[in-house]
Amino acid sequence: MTGERRPLADRPLTEPHPSRLPPEHPDRPRILAAHNAALAAGDAGYADPASGLFVLSAGFLARRGTCCGRGCRHCPYVDDLQSG
């Protein structure tokens, strides 16, 4: 998928695909709060609440315009038909 241009998935940028952040993930509420704050601020990403690692936001990934194929948590391109 590296560099492949394709349309965004049919879901809001605030909602990651369940294969990337399952509804039962114990840190999901904190992750989504951090992600939504990054989206609202126009930031490229946020520090993961559990690990402290930098995670790219769906907004940044959508502005980039292509899927890198690395399994980003908030990939705005992945949908049920592709692994993204």
Protein backbone atom coordinates (compact mmCIF):
# COMPACT_ATOMS: atom_id res chain seq x y z
CA MET A 1 0.00 0.00 0.00
CA THR A 2 2.99 2.33 0.18
CA GLY A 3 2.21 5.61 -1.53
CA GLU A 4 -1.08 4.37 -2.94
CA ARG A 5 -3.65 7.13 -3.40
CA ARG A 6 -7.16 6.06 -2.54
CA PRO A 7 -10.27 7.57 -0.98
CA LEU A 8 -10.70 7.93 2.74
CA ALA A 9 -12.71 5.24 4.50
CA ASP A 10 -16.40 5.96 5.06
CA ARG A 11 -16.19 6.91 8.77
CA PRO A 12 -15.32 10.03 10.74
CA LEU A 13 -11.65 10.77 11.35
CA THR A 14 -12.44 10.57 15.07
CA GLU A 15 -13.32 6.86 14.78
CA PRO A 16 -10.45 4.41 14.18
CA HIS A 17 -11.15 1.12 12.44
CA PRO A 18 -11.89 -1.58 15.06
CA SER A 19 -9.00 -3.69 13.77
CA ARG A 20 -6.63 -0.87 14.79
CA LEU A 21 -8.26 0.12 18.11
CA PRO A 22 -10.83 -2.45 19.28
CA PRO A 23 -13.82 -1.23 21.30
CA GLU A 24 -12.71 -3.40 24.22
CA HIS A 25 -9.17 -1.93 24.39
CA PRO A 26 -8.68 -0.90 28.04
CA ASP A 27 -7.15 2.49 27.15
CA ARG A 28 -9.60 3.31 24.33
CA PRO A 29 -11.31 6.25 26.11
CA ARG A 30 -7.98 7.89 26.97
CA ILE A 31 -6.58 7.20 23.50
CA LEU A 32 -9.63 8.68 21.78
CA ALA A 33 -9.55 11.75 24.06
CA ALA A 34 -5.88 12.36 23.21
CA HIS A 35 -6.52 11.75 19.50
CA ASN A 36 -9.55 14.04 19.41
CA ALA A 37 -7.57 16.80 21.15
CA ALA A 38 -4.83 16.44 18.50
CA LEU A 39 -7.44 16.59 15.72
CA ALA A 40 -9.06 19.71 17.20
CA ALA A 41 -5.68 21.42 17.55
CA GLY A 42 -4.54 20.40 14.05
CA ASP A 43 -1.57 18.58 15.57
CA ALA A 44 0.25 15.82 13.71
CA GLY A 45 -0.36 13.41 16.57
CA TYR A 46 -0.28 12.81 20.30
CA ALA A 47 1.62 10.93 22.98
CA ASP A 48 -0.03 7.55 23.60
CA PRO A 49 -1.47 7.68 27.14
CA ALA A 50 -0.13 4.23 28.05
CA SER A 51 3.24 4.00 26.29
CA GLY A 52 4.17 7.63 25.72
CA LEU A 53 5.01 6.84 22.07
CA PHE A 54 4.03 9.41 19.44
CA VAL A 55 0.98 8.34 17.40
CA LEU A 56 0.01 10.08 14.17
CA SER A 57 -3.51 11.49 13.99
CA ALA A 58 -6.05 10.60 11.31
CA GLY A 59 -6.05 14.26 10.27
CA PHE A 60 -2.31 14.24 9.60
CA LEU A 61 -2.53 10.94 7.75
CA ALA A 62 -5.45 12.17 5.62
CA ARG A 63 -3.59 15.40 4.74
CA ARG A 64 -0.60 13.32 3.65
CA GLY A 65 -2.86 11.86 0.96
CA THR A 66 -1.57 8.29 0.79
CA CYS A 67 -1.52 5.13 2.89
CA CYS A 68 1.94 4.04 3.98
CA GLY A 69 0.81 0.47 4.74
CA ARG A 70 2.47 0.39 8.16
CA GLY A 71 -0.67 -0.28 10.20
CA CYS A 72 -1.17 3.17 11.74
CA ARG A 73 -3.67 3.17 14.60
CA HIS A 74 -5.72 6.01 13.11
CA CYS A 75 -5.27 5.20 9.41
CA PRO A 76 -8.10 7.02 7.62
CA TYR A 77 -7.83 4.72 4.60
CA VAL A 78 -8.34 1.24 6.09
CA ASP A 79 -11.85 -0.17 5.77
CA ASP A 80 -13.44 -3.62 5.90
CA LEU A 81 -12.23 -4.55 2.41
CA GLN A 82 -8.55 -3.73 2.79
CA SER A 83 -5.88 -4.00 5.44
CA GLY A 84 -4.58 -0.46 4.83
